[in-house]
N, C-alpha and C. Protein backbone atom coordinates (compact mmCIF):
# COMPACT_ATOMS: atom_id res chain seq x y z
N UNK A 1 -2.33 8.17 -10.81
CA UNK A 1 -3.06 7.05 -10.25
C UNK A 1 -3.36 6.08 -11.39
N UNK A 2 -3.23 4.81 -11.12
CA UNK A 2 -3.51 3.77 -12.10
C UNK A 2 -4.50 2.80 -11.49
N UNK A 3 -5.53 2.44 -12.26
CA UNK A 3 -6.52 1.45 -11.80
C UNK A 3 -6.51 0.28 -12.77
N UNK A 4 -6.57 -0.91 -12.23
CA UNK A 4 -6.69 -2.13 -13.03
C UNK A 4 -8.05 -2.74 -12.70
N UNK A 5 -8.84 -3.00 -13.74
CA UNK A 5 -10.17 -3.59 -13.56
C UNK A 5 -10.20 -4.91 -14.31
N UNK A 6 -10.58 -5.97 -13.61
CA UNK A 6 -10.65 -7.29 -14.21
C UNK A 6 -11.68 -8.13 -13.45
N UNK A 7 -12.62 -8.71 -14.18
CA UNK A 7 -13.63 -9.60 -13.60
C UNK A 7 -14.35 -8.96 -12.41
N UNK A 8 -14.65 -7.65 -12.53
CA UNK A 8 -15.39 -6.97 -11.48
C UNK A 8 -14.56 -6.53 -10.28
N UNK A 9 -13.26 -6.79 -10.28
CA UNK A 9 -12.38 -6.38 -9.19
C UNK A 9 -11.53 -5.20 -9.65
N UNK A 10 -11.28 -4.27 -8.74
CA UNK A 10 -10.49 -3.09 -9.06
C UNK A 10 -9.33 -2.99 -8.07
N UNK A 11 -8.16 -2.70 -8.59
CA UNK A 11 -6.99 -2.37 -7.77
C UNK A 11 -6.51 -1.01 -8.28
N UNK A 12 -6.40 -0.05 -7.37
CA UNK A 12 -5.96 1.29 -7.75
C UNK A 12 -4.70 1.61 -6.95
N UNK A 13 -3.67 2.10 -7.68
CA UNK A 13 -2.39 2.41 -7.04
C UNK A 13 -1.94 3.81 -7.45
N UNK A 14 -1.26 4.44 -6.51
CA UNK A 14 -0.59 5.69 -6.82
C UNK A 14 0.67 5.77 -5.98
N UNK A 15 1.69 6.44 -6.52
CA UNK A 15 2.95 6.56 -5.79
C UNK A 15 3.84 7.59 -6.47
N UNK A 16 4.85 7.99 -5.75
CA UNK A 16 5.94 8.78 -6.30
C UNK A 16 7.18 8.43 -5.48
N UNK A 17 8.19 9.27 -5.49
CA UNK A 17 9.42 8.94 -4.76
C UNK A 17 9.27 9.07 -3.25
N UNK A 18 8.13 9.61 -2.78
CA UNK A 18 7.94 9.82 -1.34
C UNK A 18 6.93 8.89 -0.68
N UNK A 19 6.00 8.34 -1.43
CA UNK A 19 4.92 7.55 -0.83
C UNK A 19 4.40 6.50 -1.81
N UNK A 20 3.60 5.59 -1.26
CA UNK A 20 2.83 4.66 -2.09
C UNK A 20 1.50 4.39 -1.41
N UNK A 21 0.49 4.07 -2.24
CA UNK A 21 -0.85 3.82 -1.73
C UNK A 21 -1.52 2.80 -2.64
N UNK A 22 -2.28 1.88 -2.06
CA UNK A 22 -3.02 0.89 -2.84
C UNK A 22 -4.40 0.69 -2.21
N UNK A 23 -5.42 0.66 -3.07
CA UNK A 23 -6.78 0.36 -2.63
C UNK A 23 -7.34 -0.76 -3.50
N UNK A 24 -8.27 -1.53 -2.93
CA UNK A 24 -8.88 -2.65 -3.64
C UNK A 24 -10.38 -2.68 -3.35
N UNK A 25 -11.12 -3.20 -4.31
CA UNK A 25 -12.55 -3.36 -4.12
C UNK A 25 -13.19 -3.96 -5.35
N UNK A 26 -14.50 -3.80 -5.45
CA UNK A 26 -15.21 -4.43 -6.56
C UNK A 26 -16.14 -3.44 -7.24
N UNK A 27 -16.50 -3.79 -8.46
CA UNK A 27 -17.41 -3.02 -9.30
C UNK A 27 -18.72 -3.78 -9.36
N UNK A 28 -19.85 -3.10 -9.02
CA UNK A 28 -21.13 -3.81 -9.04
C UNK A 28 -21.79 -3.72 -10.43
N UNK A 29 -22.93 -4.33 -10.58
CA UNK A 29 -23.63 -4.39 -11.87
C UNK A 29 -24.05 -3.02 -12.38
N UNK A 30 -24.17 -2.05 -11.49
CA UNK A 30 -24.55 -0.68 -11.90
C UNK A 30 -23.34 0.21 -12.19
N UNK A 31 -22.14 -0.36 -12.09
CA UNK A 31 -20.93 0.41 -12.35
C UNK A 31 -20.41 1.20 -11.17
N UNK A 32 -20.91 0.90 -9.96
CA UNK A 32 -20.44 1.58 -8.75
C UNK A 32 -19.31 0.79 -8.12
N UNK A 33 -18.43 1.49 -7.42
CA UNK A 33 -17.34 0.81 -6.73
C UNK A 33 -17.05 1.44 -5.39
N UNK A 34 -16.46 0.63 -4.52
CA UNK A 34 -16.02 1.05 -3.20
C UNK A 34 -14.69 0.34 -2.96
N UNK A 35 -13.65 1.11 -2.74
CA UNK A 35 -12.31 0.56 -2.55
C UNK A 35 -11.78 1.00 -1.19
N UNK A 36 -11.05 0.14 -0.53
CA UNK A 36 -10.39 0.48 0.72
C UNK A 36 -8.94 0.04 0.64
N UNK A 37 -8.10 0.70 1.39
CA UNK A 37 -6.70 0.33 1.41
C UNK A 37 -5.92 1.28 2.29
N UNK A 38 -4.61 1.30 2.06
CA UNK A 38 -3.78 2.18 2.85
C UNK A 38 -2.56 2.63 2.06
N UNK A 39 -1.93 3.65 2.59
CA UNK A 39 -0.70 4.18 2.01
C UNK A 39 0.26 4.53 3.12
N UNK A 40 1.49 4.85 2.73
CA UNK A 40 2.48 5.29 3.71
C UNK A 40 3.60 6.06 3.00
N UNK A 41 4.24 6.92 3.78
CA UNK A 41 5.43 7.59 3.29
C UNK A 41 6.61 6.66 3.50
N UNK A 42 7.53 6.62 2.55
CA UNK A 42 8.68 5.73 2.66
C UNK A 42 9.54 6.07 3.87
N UNK A 43 9.59 7.34 4.25
CA UNK A 43 10.39 7.74 5.41
C UNK A 43 9.75 7.36 6.74
N UNK A 44 8.46 6.99 6.71
CA UNK A 44 7.75 6.67 7.94
C UNK A 44 6.75 5.52 7.71
N UNK A 45 7.23 4.33 7.31
CA UNK A 45 6.32 3.24 6.95
C UNK A 45 5.50 2.69 8.11
N UNK A 46 5.90 2.97 9.34
CA UNK A 46 5.17 2.48 10.50
C UNK A 46 3.94 3.31 10.84
N UNK A 47 3.66 4.35 10.04
CA UNK A 47 2.49 5.21 10.30
C UNK A 47 1.64 5.30 9.03
N UNK A 48 1.00 4.21 8.65
CA UNK A 48 0.19 4.23 7.43
C UNK A 48 -1.09 5.04 7.61
N UNK A 49 -1.66 5.47 6.50
CA UNK A 49 -2.98 6.10 6.52
C UNK A 49 -3.96 5.19 5.82
N UNK A 50 -5.22 5.33 6.12
CA UNK A 50 -6.29 4.54 5.52
C UNK A 50 -6.96 5.36 4.43
N UNK A 51 -7.37 4.70 3.37
CA UNK A 51 -8.01 5.38 2.25
C UNK A 51 -9.32 4.70 1.89
N UNK A 52 -10.35 5.48 1.65
CA UNK A 52 -11.65 5.01 1.18
C UNK A 52 -11.92 5.71 -0.14
N UNK A 53 -12.25 4.95 -1.17
CA UNK A 53 -12.55 5.50 -2.49
C UNK A 53 -13.93 5.00 -2.90
N UNK A 54 -14.82 5.90 -3.29
CA UNK A 54 -16.13 5.51 -3.80
C UNK A 54 -16.37 6.23 -5.11
N UNK A 55 -17.12 5.59 -6.00
CA UNK A 55 -17.41 6.23 -7.28
C UNK A 55 -18.19 5.33 -8.20
N UNK A 56 -18.16 5.68 -9.48
CA UNK A 56 -18.87 4.89 -10.48
C UNK A 56 -18.28 5.14 -11.85
N UNK A 57 -18.61 4.25 -12.78
CA UNK A 57 -18.25 4.47 -14.16
C UNK A 57 -19.04 5.68 -14.64
N UNK A 58 -18.41 6.54 -15.39
CA UNK A 58 -19.07 7.75 -15.85
C UNK A 58 -20.15 7.41 -16.86
N UNK A 59 -21.37 7.82 -16.61
CA UNK A 59 -22.50 7.55 -17.50
C UNK A 59 -22.29 8.17 -18.86
N UNK A 60 -22.49 7.38 -19.89
CA UNK A 60 -22.37 7.88 -21.25
C UNK A 60 -20.95 8.09 -21.72
N UNK A 61 -19.98 7.67 -20.93
CA UNK A 61 -18.59 7.87 -21.31
C UNK A 61 -18.14 6.80 -22.29
N UNK A 62 -17.69 7.20 -23.44
CA UNK A 62 -17.24 6.25 -24.46
C UNK A 62 -15.92 5.58 -24.08
N UNK A 63 -15.15 6.23 -23.22
CA UNK A 63 -13.85 5.66 -22.87
C UNK A 63 -13.86 4.88 -21.57
N UNK A 64 -15.04 4.68 -20.96
CA UNK A 64 -15.11 3.91 -19.72
C UNK A 64 -14.51 4.63 -18.53
N UNK A 65 -14.59 5.96 -18.50
CA UNK A 65 -14.01 6.74 -17.41
C UNK A 65 -14.63 6.35 -16.07
N UNK A 66 -13.83 6.44 -15.02
CA UNK A 66 -14.27 6.20 -13.65
C UNK A 66 -14.20 7.53 -12.92
N UNK A 67 -15.27 7.90 -12.24
CA UNK A 67 -15.30 9.14 -11.46
C UNK A 67 -15.61 8.82 -10.02
N UNK A 68 -15.03 9.59 -9.11
CA UNK A 68 -15.33 9.33 -7.72
C UNK A 68 -14.68 10.29 -6.78
N UNK A 69 -14.74 9.93 -5.50
CA UNK A 69 -14.12 10.71 -4.44
C UNK A 69 -13.26 9.79 -3.60
N UNK A 70 -12.29 10.36 -2.96
CA UNK A 70 -11.39 9.62 -2.09
C UNK A 70 -11.23 10.39 -0.80
N UNK A 71 -11.26 9.69 0.32
CA UNK A 71 -11.03 10.29 1.62
C UNK A 71 -9.81 9.63 2.24
N UNK A 72 -8.87 10.44 2.68
CA UNK A 72 -7.68 9.94 3.36
C UNK A 72 -7.90 10.13 4.86
N UNK A 73 -7.72 9.07 5.64
CA UNK A 73 -7.88 9.11 7.08
C UNK A 73 -6.52 8.84 7.70
N UNK A 74 -6.05 9.76 8.55
CA UNK A 74 -4.71 9.59 9.09
C UNK A 74 -4.67 8.58 10.23
N UNK A 75 -3.50 8.40 10.82
CA UNK A 75 -3.32 7.38 11.86
C UNK A 75 -4.12 7.66 13.11
N UNK A 76 -4.59 8.88 13.29
CA UNK A 76 -5.40 9.22 14.47
C UNK A 76 -6.89 9.04 14.22
N UNK A 77 -7.27 8.56 13.03
CA UNK A 77 -8.66 8.34 12.70
C UNK A 77 -9.39 9.59 12.21
N UNK A 78 -8.65 10.62 11.88
CA UNK A 78 -9.24 11.89 11.44
C UNK A 78 -9.11 12.02 9.93
N UNK A 79 -10.20 12.42 9.26
CA UNK A 79 -10.15 12.65 7.82
C UNK A 79 -9.27 13.88 7.57
N UNK A 80 -8.23 13.71 6.77
CA UNK A 80 -7.30 14.81 6.54
C UNK A 80 -7.36 15.36 5.12
N UNK A 81 -8.02 14.64 4.21
CA UNK A 81 -8.12 15.15 2.85
C UNK A 81 -9.24 14.44 2.11
N UNK A 82 -9.97 15.20 1.31
CA UNK A 82 -10.97 14.66 0.40
C UNK A 82 -10.58 15.07 -1.01
N UNK A 83 -10.67 14.15 -1.94
CA UNK A 83 -10.28 14.41 -3.33
C UNK A 83 -11.39 13.96 -4.27
N UNK A 84 -11.41 14.54 -5.45
CA UNK A 84 -12.27 14.08 -6.55
C UNK A 84 -11.34 13.65 -7.66
N UNK A 85 -11.75 12.65 -8.42
CA UNK A 85 -10.90 12.20 -9.51
C UNK A 85 -11.73 11.69 -10.69
N UNK A 86 -11.10 11.68 -11.83
CA UNK A 86 -11.62 11.03 -13.03
C UNK A 86 -10.47 10.26 -13.65
N UNK A 87 -10.67 8.97 -13.85
CA UNK A 87 -9.68 8.13 -14.51
C UNK A 87 -10.22 7.76 -15.89
N UNK A 88 -9.37 7.82 -16.89
CA UNK A 88 -9.78 7.45 -18.24
C UNK A 88 -8.97 6.27 -18.73
N UNK A 89 -9.55 5.53 -19.64
CA UNK A 89 -8.91 4.32 -20.17
C UNK A 89 -7.74 4.71 -21.07
N UNK A 90 -6.61 4.04 -20.86
CA UNK A 90 -5.45 4.23 -21.74
C UNK A 90 -5.62 3.31 -22.94
N UNK A 91 -5.23 3.78 -24.05
CA UNK A 91 -5.33 2.97 -25.28
C UNK A 91 -3.97 2.52 -25.71
């Protein structure tokens, strides 16, 4: 997963040879963020899933790490997966 942060806006993308997903949102003054977006499998692009990502900048982190959770909601409106993640700054 790769996140780009600029002027308080965040775009997070992940993909491989089978799928792609993109979420967008903003970072508030306290370092919290909420991103929404969707993904799809390349073999079935007409059935996208919705993604909600919430989190914050890791307190006391020297590298500006972002920590949070992500919920994947399938085409039927049912939550099918919850994930936790930590993203660290590349140098």
